[in-house]
Protein backbone atom coordinates (compact mmCIF):
# COMPACT_ATOMS: atom_id res chain seq x y z
CA MET A 1 -71.94 -25.03 -232.19
CA ASP A 2 -71.76 -27.90 -229.81
CA ALA A 3 -75.10 -28.67 -228.22
CA LYS A 4 -74.94 -28.60 -224.34
CA LEU A 5 -76.81 -31.52 -222.58
CA PRO A 6 -78.91 -30.43 -219.60
CA TYR A 7 -77.61 -31.39 -216.10
CA GLY A 8 -78.68 -35.00 -215.46
CA PHE A 9 -78.19 -36.34 -219.00
CA LEU A 10 -74.41 -36.95 -218.39
CA ALA A 11 -73.06 -40.18 -216.79
CA LYS A 12 -73.22 -39.87 -213.17
CA ASN A 13 -70.09 -40.66 -210.99
CA ILE A 14 -70.06 -44.27 -210.22
CA ARG A 15 -69.61 -43.25 -206.50
CA THR A 16 -72.86 -41.23 -206.64
CA ARG A 17 -74.78 -44.06 -208.15
CA HIS A 18 -73.27 -46.55 -205.73
CA ALA A 19 -74.25 -44.07 -202.77
CA GLU A 20 -77.72 -43.63 -204.02
CA TYR A 21 -78.30 -47.31 -204.05
CA LYS A 22 -77.00 -47.71 -200.44
CA MET A 23 -79.31 -45.10 -199.36
CA PHE A 24 -82.18 -46.75 -201.15
CA TYR A 25 -81.48 -50.05 -199.58
CA ASP A 26 -81.49 -48.49 -195.99
CA ALA A 27 -84.62 -46.64 -196.74
CA ALA A 28 -86.12 -49.91 -198.29
CA ALA A 29 -85.43 -51.71 -195.20
CA VAL A 30 -87.50 -49.48 -192.84
CA LEU A 31 -90.29 -49.32 -195.21
CA ALA A 32 -90.76 -53.06 -195.53
CA LYS A 33 -90.99 -53.26 -191.92
CA GLU A 34 -93.82 -50.74 -192.09
CA GLY A 35 -95.91 -52.74 -194.69
CA PHE A 36 -94.73 -50.91 -197.69
CA CYS A 37 -94.03 -53.12 -200.94
CA LEU A 38 -91.20 -52.47 -203.01
CA THR A 39 -92.30 -51.98 -206.62
CA GLY A 40 -90.44 -51.09 -210.04
CA ILE A 41 -91.62 -47.97 -211.63
CA PRO A 42 -92.17 -48.15 -215.18
CA ALA A 43 -89.88 -45.65 -217.40
CA LEU A 44 -92.73 -45.14 -219.79
CA GLY A 45 -96.52 -44.82 -219.53
CA ARG A 46 -99.26 -43.96 -221.95
CA LEU A 47 -100.49 -40.44 -221.55
CA GLY A 48 -103.94 -41.40 -221.35
CA ASP A 49 -103.05 -43.16 -218.02
CA ASN A 50 -101.61 -40.24 -216.32
CA PHE A 51 -103.54 -38.54 -213.30
CA GLY A 52 -103.64 -35.09 -214.56
CA PHE A 53 -100.56 -33.98 -212.47
CA TYR A 54 -98.77 -32.21 -215.43
CA GLY A 55 -99.80 -30.94 -218.95
CA MET A 56 -98.65 -32.90 -222.06
CA ASP A 57 -96.16 -30.45 -223.07
CA ASP A 58 -94.21 -31.12 -219.81
CA ARG A 59 -93.20 -34.57 -220.76
CA TYR A 60 -90.73 -36.30 -222.95
CA LYS A 61 -92.98 -38.31 -225.53
CA LEU A 62 -92.48 -41.23 -227.66
CA THR A 63 -94.81 -42.88 -230.23
CA ASP A 64 -94.96 -46.78 -230.37
CA SER A 65 -95.38 -49.04 -233.43
CA GLU A 66 -99.27 -48.86 -232.57
CA GLY A 67 -99.62 -45.18 -232.73
CA ASP A 68 -99.90 -44.79 -228.88
CA ILE A 69 -98.11 -41.83 -227.42
CA LEU A 70 -96.02 -42.91 -224.39
CA ALA A 71 -94.50 -40.37 -221.87
CA LEU A 72 -91.32 -40.86 -219.92
CA THR A 73 -92.13 -40.95 -216.04
CA GLU A 74 -91.77 -37.25 -214.96
CA ASP A 75 -92.63 -37.85 -211.16
CA VAL A 76 -92.02 -40.68 -208.96
CA VAL A 77 -95.31 -40.47 -207.22
CA GLU A 78 -97.19 -40.61 -210.34
CA GLY A 79 -95.23 -43.67 -211.38
CA LEU A 80 -96.34 -45.38 -208.19
CA LEU A 81 -99.80 -44.51 -208.42
CA SER A 82 -100.11 -45.75 -211.68
CA LEU A 83 -99.15 -49.43 -210.26
CA ALA A 84 -101.55 -49.04 -207.21
CA GLU A 85 -104.40 -51.80 -207.63
CA LYS A 86 -106.30 -51.65 -204.61
CA GLU A 87 -107.41 -49.25 -201.74
CA ASN A 88 -105.07 -49.38 -198.50
CA GLU A 89 -102.05 -50.16 -200.41
CA ARG A 90 -98.63 -49.01 -199.52
CA LEU A 91 -95.96 -49.07 -202.33
CA PHE A 92 -92.37 -47.52 -202.57
CA GLY A 93 -89.58 -47.29 -205.07
CA MET A 94 -86.91 -45.44 -206.68
CA SER A 95 -86.78 -44.46 -210.29
CA GLU A 96 -85.16 -42.08 -213.02
CA VAL A 97 -87.56 -39.39 -213.65
CA TYR A 98 -87.35 -36.88 -216.68
CA ARG A 99 -88.53 -33.30 -217.16
CA PHE A 100 -88.81 -31.55 -220.32
CA SER A 101 -87.87 -28.09 -219.00
CA GLY A 102 -85.75 -26.76 -216.15
CA ALA A 103 -82.11 -26.77 -214.98
CA VAL A 104 -82.25 -30.33 -214.21
CA ARG A 105 -83.88 -32.62 -216.57
CA ASN A 106 -83.11 -36.25 -215.17
CA ARG A 107 -82.32 -37.50 -211.90
CA THR A 108 -82.86 -40.24 -209.23
CA SER A 109 -86.16 -39.76 -207.31
CA PHE A 110 -87.33 -41.94 -204.28
CA GLY A 111 -91.25 -42.09 -203.30
CA ALA A 112 -93.72 -44.02 -201.04
CA VAL A 113 -97.36 -43.84 -201.34
CA ILE A 114 -100.41 -44.74 -199.36
CA THR A 115 -103.50 -45.27 -201.25
CA GLY A 116 -107.08 -45.42 -200.46
CA ILE A 117 -106.97 -43.65 -196.98
CA SER A 118 -107.62 -40.40 -196.21
CA GLY A 119 -107.49 -38.16 -193.08
CA ILE A 120 -104.94 -37.32 -190.36
CA GLU A 121 -104.24 -41.04 -189.72
CA ALA A 122 -102.71 -41.49 -192.97
CA GLU A 123 -101.06 -38.20 -193.19
CA ALA A 124 -99.46 -38.75 -189.86
CA GLU A 125 -98.38 -42.25 -191.03
CA ALA A 126 -96.69 -40.78 -193.87
CA ILE A 127 -94.89 -38.20 -191.78
CA THR A 128 -93.62 -40.79 -189.11
CA CYS A 129 -92.65 -43.16 -191.96
CA ALA A 130 -90.66 -40.51 -193.68
CA LEU A 131 -88.83 -39.73 -190.21
CA ALA A 132 -88.20 -43.19 -189.96
CA VAL A 133 -86.44 -43.39 -193.44
CA LEU A 134 -84.31 -40.15 -192.43
CA LYS A 135 -83.17 -41.68 -189.37
CA ALA A 136 -82.09 -45.00 -191.23
CA ILE A 137 -80.10 -42.89 -193.83
CA GLY A 138 -78.37 -41.16 -190.88
CA ILE A 139 -79.85 -37.49 -191.35
CA GLU A 140 -81.51 -35.83 -188.48
CA CYS A 141 -84.73 -34.12 -188.96
CA GLY A 142 -84.58 -30.63 -187.08
CA LYS A 143 -88.44 -29.85 -187.88
CA ILE A 144 -91.50 -30.62 -189.31
CA VAL A 145 -93.20 -27.87 -191.35
CA LEU A 146 -96.97 -28.35 -191.94
CA GLY A 147 -99.25 -26.46 -194.24
CA ASN A 148 -102.56 -27.00 -196.19
CA THR A 149 -103.10 -26.03 -199.72
CA SER A 150 -106.91 -25.36 -199.17
CA VAL A 151 -106.11 -22.29 -196.70
CA LEU A 152 -105.07 -19.74 -199.28
CA LEU A 153 -107.16 -21.35 -202.09
CA GLY A 154 -110.27 -21.09 -199.84
CA LEU A 155 -109.67 -17.42 -199.14
CA ALA A 156 -108.87 -16.59 -202.86
CA GLU A 157 -112.12 -18.52 -203.98
CA SER A 158 -114.39 -16.80 -201.36
CA ILE A 159 -113.25 -13.21 -202.78
CA PHE A 160 -113.02 -14.36 -206.53
CA GLN A 161 -116.48 -16.23 -206.27
CA GLY A 162 -114.90 -19.12 -208.27
CA LYS A 163 -112.56 -21.71 -208.72
CA VAL A 164 -108.73 -20.56 -208.30
CA GLY A 165 -105.90 -22.48 -209.40
CA LYS A 166 -102.56 -22.84 -207.55
CA ASP A 167 -100.70 -20.71 -210.31
CA LYS A 168 -103.05 -17.65 -209.20
CA ILE A 169 -101.94 -18.09 -205.66
CA ARG A 170 -98.35 -18.09 -206.56
CA SER A 171 -98.70 -15.27 -208.88
CA LEU A 172 -100.38 -13.18 -206.15
CA LEU A 173 -97.62 -14.20 -203.60
CA LYS A 174 -95.12 -12.93 -206.19
CA ASN A 175 -97.07 -9.68 -206.41
CA GLU A 176 -98.09 -10.11 -210.03
CA LEU A 177 -101.53 -8.31 -209.91
CA PHE A 178 -103.45 -7.36 -212.89
CA THR A 179 -107.08 -6.62 -211.68
CA ASP A 180 -108.85 -4.84 -209.19
CA ALA A 181 -109.84 -8.18 -207.61
CA ASP A 182 -106.22 -9.20 -207.46
CA TYR A 183 -105.34 -6.33 -205.40
CA ALA A 184 -108.43 -6.93 -203.08
CA VAL A 185 -107.11 -10.39 -202.55
CA GLU A 186 -103.45 -9.95 -202.51
CA LYS A 187 -103.49 -8.25 -198.99
CA LEU A 188 -105.40 -11.25 -197.29
CA ILE A 189 -103.52 -13.79 -199.04
CA ARG A 190 -100.20 -12.39 -198.43
CA GLU A 191 -101.10 -11.69 -194.78
CA THR A 192 -102.21 -15.44 -194.27
CA ALA A 193 -99.20 -16.85 -196.24
CA LEU A 194 -96.83 -15.14 -193.78
CA VAL A 195 -98.20 -17.20 -190.85
CA LYS A 196 -95.13 -19.08 -189.99
CA GLY A 197 -94.13 -20.45 -186.61
CA GLY A 198 -95.70 -22.47 -183.87
CA LEU A 199 -99.26 -23.62 -182.71
CA SER A 200 -100.17 -20.25 -180.85
CA VAL A 201 -99.48 -18.29 -184.35
CA LEU A 202 -101.70 -20.87 -186.00
CA LYS A 203 -104.51 -20.59 -183.80
CA GLN A 204 -104.25 -16.63 -184.09
CA ALA A 205 -104.68 -16.96 -187.88
CA ALA A 206 -107.44 -19.46 -187.69
CA GLU A 207 -109.65 -16.98 -185.60
CA LYS A 208 -109.51 -14.57 -188.49
CA ILE A 209 -110.37 -16.87 -191.25
CA THR A 210 -114.29 -17.57 -191.86
CA ASN A 211 -114.60 -19.14 -195.25
CA PRO A 212 -115.56 -22.71 -194.84
CA THR A 213 -112.89 -24.06 -197.20
CA SER A 214 -110.16 -22.46 -195.20
CA SER A 215 -111.56 -23.07 -191.84
CA ALA A 216 -111.87 -26.79 -192.46
CA ALA A 217 -108.13 -26.71 -193.71
CA MET A 218 -107.00 -24.95 -190.64
CA LEU A 219 -108.95 -27.48 -188.55
CA ASN A 220 -107.29 -30.41 -190.33
CA LEU A 221 -103.87 -28.69 -189.49
CA LEU A 222 -104.64 -28.41 -185.87
CA GLU A 223 -106.12 -32.08 -185.62
CA LEU A 224 -102.92 -33.33 -187.38
CA SER A 225 -100.67 -31.60 -185.22
CA GLY A 226 -102.45 -32.78 -182.01
CA LEU A 227 -101.89 -36.39 -183.46
CA LEU A 228 -98.36 -35.77 -184.08
CA GLU A 229 -98.03 -34.30 -180.57
CA GLU A 230 -99.46 -37.44 -179.11
CA TYR A 231 -96.76 -39.29 -180.92
CA GLY A 232 -94.11 -37.39 -179.19
CA LEU A 233 -93.30 -35.00 -182.18
CA GLY A 234 -95.01 -31.67 -180.91
CA ASP A 235 -91.81 -29.84 -180.11
CA ASN A 236 -90.78 -30.27 -183.77
CA ILE A 237 -93.70 -28.93 -185.67
CA GLU A 238 -94.03 -25.59 -187.50
CA TYR A 239 -96.47 -24.10 -189.80
CA ASP A 240 -96.05 -22.68 -193.34
CA LEU A 241 -99.42 -21.53 -195.04
CA ALA A 242 -97.48 -20.37 -198.10
CA ASN A 243 -96.48 -24.08 -198.90
CA MET A 244 -98.63 -24.90 -201.88
CA GLY A 245 -96.93 -28.39 -202.51
CA ARG A 246 -96.67 -29.79 -205.97
CA ASN A 247 -99.31 -29.49 -208.50
CA TYR A 248 -101.01 -32.53 -207.54
CA ASP A 249 -101.13 -31.69 -203.78
CA ASN A 250 -104.62 -30.68 -202.56
CA GLY A 251 -104.80 -30.51 -198.92
CA THR A 252 -102.20 -31.19 -196.24
CA VAL A 253 -98.41 -30.70 -197.44
CA PHE A 254 -95.43 -31.25 -195.06
CA LEU A 255 -91.66 -30.71 -195.30
CA LEU A 256 -89.19 -32.50 -193.26
CA CYS A 257 -86.17 -30.07 -192.89
CA ASP A 258 -82.66 -30.42 -191.12
CA LYS A 259 -81.81 -27.89 -188.20
CA ASP A 260 -80.61 -25.27 -190.71
CA GLY A 261 -83.98 -25.35 -192.71
CA LYS A 262 -83.03 -27.44 -195.63
CA VAL A 263 -85.59 -29.39 -197.15
CA LEU A 264 -84.92 -33.15 -196.79
CA ILE A 265 -88.38 -34.85 -197.88
CA GLU A 266 -91.36 -33.16 -198.96
CA GLY A 267 -94.97 -34.94 -199.06
CA GLY A 268 -98.56 -34.32 -199.19
CA ARG A 269 -102.15 -35.71 -199.65
CA HIS A 270 -103.68 -35.61 -203.14
CA ASP A 271 -106.77 -37.07 -204.87
CA PHE A 272 -106.45 -38.71 -208.45
CA MET A 273 -109.07 -40.18 -210.75
CA ARG A 274 -109.26 -43.72 -211.66
CA SER A 275 -111.94 -45.45 -213.75
CA GLY A 276 -113.83 -42.26 -213.22
CA GLU A 277 -113.74 -42.43 -209.43
CA VAL A 278 -111.87 -40.39 -207.01
CA CYS A 279 -108.91 -42.12 -205.11
CA ARG A 280 -107.25 -40.86 -202.03
CA ALA A 281 -103.49 -40.81 -201.40
CA VAL A 282 -100.64 -39.62 -199.46
CA SER A 283 -97.00 -39.67 -200.30
CA PHE A 284 -93.47 -38.53 -199.57
CA ARG A 285 -90.55 -38.30 -201.78
CA PHE A 286 -87.09 -37.19 -201.80
CA ASP A 287 -84.12 -36.65 -204.00
CA PRO A 288 -81.14 -39.10 -203.08
CA GLU A 289 -78.55 -37.13 -205.07
CA TYR A 290 -79.28 -33.77 -203.37
CA LEU A 291 -79.16 -35.47 -199.80
CA LEU A 292 -75.76 -36.91 -200.78
CA THR A 293 -74.70 -33.25 -201.81
CA ILE A 294 -75.49 -31.90 -198.44
CA TYR A 295 -75.09 -34.88 -196.20
CA PRO A 296 -72.30 -37.23 -197.94
CA GLY A 297 -71.97 -38.70 -194.51
CA ARG A 298 -70.95 -42.43 -194.68
CA TYR A 299 -72.47 -42.92 -198.05
CA PHE A 300 -69.42 -41.51 -199.69
CA GLU A 301 -66.91 -43.06 -197.41
CA GLU A 302 -65.93 -46.00 -199.39
CA LYS A 303 -65.49 -49.15 -197.12
CA THR A 304 -61.89 -50.35 -197.44
CA ALA A 305 -61.66 -54.13 -197.76
CA ASP A 306 -60.50 -56.11 -194.81
CA ALA A 307 -57.66 -57.63 -196.86
CA VAL A 308 -56.02 -57.81 -200.34
CA ILE A 309 -54.95 -61.11 -201.95
CA GLY A 310 -52.16 -60.76 -204.49
CA ILE A 311 -52.13 -63.74 -206.76
CA ALA A 312 -48.96 -64.90 -208.71
CA ASP A 313 -49.62 -66.59 -212.14
CA GLY A 314 -50.57 -70.11 -212.31
CA THR A 315 -53.22 -72.66 -211.39
CA LYS A 316 -51.59 -73.68 -208.08
CA ALA A 317 -51.63 -70.03 -206.82
CA LEU A 318 -55.21 -69.55 -208.14
CA LYS A 319 -56.52 -72.61 -206.31
CA ALA A 320 -55.04 -71.89 -203.04
CA ALA A 321 -56.12 -68.06 -203.30
CA TYR A 322 -59.81 -69.31 -204.20
CA LYS A 323 -59.83 -71.52 -200.96
CA LEU A 324 -58.39 -68.60 -198.81
CA ARG A 325 -60.66 -65.87 -200.22
CA SER A 326 -63.87 -68.42 -199.55
CA SER A 327 -62.66 -68.85 -196.11
CA LEU A 328 -62.31 -64.99 -195.40
CA THR A 329 -65.70 -64.12 -196.92
CA ASP A 330 -67.34 -66.88 -195.12
CA ASN A 331 -66.39 -65.16 -191.80
CA GLY A 332 -67.80 -61.95 -192.99
CA LEU A 333 -64.46 -60.10 -194.20
CA THR A 334 -64.31 -58.27 -197.57
CA VAL A 335 -61.50 -59.09 -199.83
CA LYS A 336 -60.02 -57.44 -203.18
CA VAL A 337 -57.78 -59.65 -205.36
CA LEU A 338 -54.98 -58.79 -207.59
CA TYR A 339 -54.06 -61.38 -210.56
CA LYS A 340 -50.77 -61.99 -211.84
CA ALA A 341 -49.25 -59.94 -209.13
CA ASN A 342 -46.14 -59.93 -207.07
CA LYS A 343 -45.27 -59.38 -203.45
CA ASP A 344 -44.16 -55.77 -203.85
CA GLU A 345 -47.37 -54.91 -205.99
CA THR A 346 -49.67 -56.43 -203.45
CA ALA A 347 -48.01 -54.41 -200.46
CA ALA A 348 -48.09 -51.23 -202.41
CA PHE A 349 -51.76 -51.67 -203.45
CA ALA A 350 -52.71 -52.38 -199.71
CA VAL A 351 -50.74 -49.20 -198.54
CA ALA A 352 -52.55 -46.92 -201.18
CA SER A 353 -55.97 -48.43 -200.33
CA GLY A 354 -55.71 -48.22 -196.70
CA ILE A 355 -55.93 -51.90 -196.21
CA GLU A 356 -54.26 -53.46 -193.32
CA SER A 357 -53.74 -56.98 -194.32
CA ALA A 358 -51.67 -57.74 -197.54
CA ILE A 359 -51.88 -61.42 -198.49
CA TYR A 360 -49.77 -62.93 -201.24
CA VAL A 361 -49.78 -66.39 -202.76
CA ASP A 362 -47.01 -67.28 -204.82
CA ALA A 363 -46.76 -69.69 -207.79
CA GLU A 364 -46.71 -72.69 -205.54
CA GLY A 365 -49.72 -71.93 -203.49
CA ASN A 366 -47.77 -70.64 -200.36
CA ILE A 367 -49.23 -67.91 -198.39
CA ALA A 368 -47.69 -64.79 -196.83
CA VAL A 369 -49.52 -62.15 -194.99
CA ASN A 370 -47.82 -58.84 -194.83
CA GLY A 371 -44.49 -60.60 -195.98
CA GLN A 372 -44.54 -63.35 -193.41
CA ASN A 373 -45.13 -66.84 -194.80
CA GLU A 374 -47.97 -68.44 -193.05
CA ASN A 375 -48.61 -71.93 -194.46
CA LYS A 376 -47.99 -73.99 -197.44
CA ASP A 377 -51.18 -75.27 -199.60
CA GLU A 378 -52.12 -78.29 -197.24
CA THR A 379 -53.92 -79.86 -200.15
CA GLU A 380 -50.56 -80.96 -201.80
CA THR A 381 -49.25 -84.26 -200.44
CA PRO A 382 -45.80 -83.96 -198.79
CA LYS A 383 -43.13 -85.73 -200.65
CA GLU A 384 -41.58 -88.67 -198.84
CA LYS A 385 -38.08 -88.15 -197.82
C-alpha cells in the first residue's frame, strides 16, 4: 500500500510560495519601522534549549554525530525566543515549522516577539503592530478579541485547591467530567467561559469573581482595553474568556479577526525560562498560507510585464535587445524576454500573457514595437553611399 504524505510535505505551488514571500516583505517593511529586527529562524535546535512549550514526543527529532538530540522547529515563536539575547528586544521572522501529529505537519509561519517587557504597554504594542501588519498586507481587521488565560485557571485552582493545567480547563469546557470536583467547578467555569461581548459584559462578569488570580486577570483586561481605547481602538474590542491561547500563553491572549469572525492573527503573553531566570515576552503570529486561502487579493494577481521582447537568433539581436531591456528596466518597467523567437511568436505570447507592448528585435538588431519598425541599432556605423 502506498504511504500517503501528510499535508504540508508536498511541494507548494510556486504561486503560493511567491505570494507568501510577497506578504512577508510587506509585513517586514512595517515591523522594521517599528524597531523590530529581521532574524533567520534556525530549522534545528537542541531539545535542551527548548522553553517547555511542547513535550518531546511532539517534535521531529534527529541525532547529530556527537549524540545530541536535535529537534525541528515546531513553533515560530519558540524559534524567535531561542535567538533573543537581551531584554527589550524586538525580533521577527518567517520559517518553516514542523509538527509530529495533526492534519497539517509542515507549513510556513510568521511571528514577531517583544522580549523583556511585561504589562499592558507591551501587550498593546504587540496588538497595534499586528494591526499595522494586517493593513500592510491589505486585510481589514474587523475586531480585536481579548482574553486572559488566568481567569479560568484561577477559578479552577480556587476550587481544586491546587495547580490546574490548561488541558484540564479544556476538558471541562468539553464536558469531560470524571470526579465530583469536576462537576462542582464545571458550571462556574462554563458560565465564565461564555462571557463574550463588549466592556459592559466583562464588567458584569468581573463583579462575580472573587479569587485573587482571576480578579487580577480581569483587571489586566480592563486596563489593556482602556489603553487600546485611548489609542482609538475601543470600538473594535470584544472579549472571549474561553480563549486559552497556545500551551505557552499565560496571561493576556488576543485574536485579530475579520468582520466574519475568521481569525487572522493570534498572539499573547508568555513567560519562559532561560539560565534559571524567568523572561517575559509578548508575541503574535500568523499563517501566510491560510491568509492567502481566505484573502488571495493582490498576492495571487500575477503582475503582467509592461513589455515582452522577442529576440531573433544571433549576436546583433542579443546586443540590441540587451541595451533596450536595460533602458526599460532602468525606467522602472518590467520586461519578459523570448530568445530565438520570431515576430509572430512574440506577438502571440504578448496576447496570451495580457502584455500590451510586444517588441521584436530581428537578426540585424532592428526593433519593431507591436509590428511597427521603430529604429535600427544606432550603434552600427552607416555605410557610405
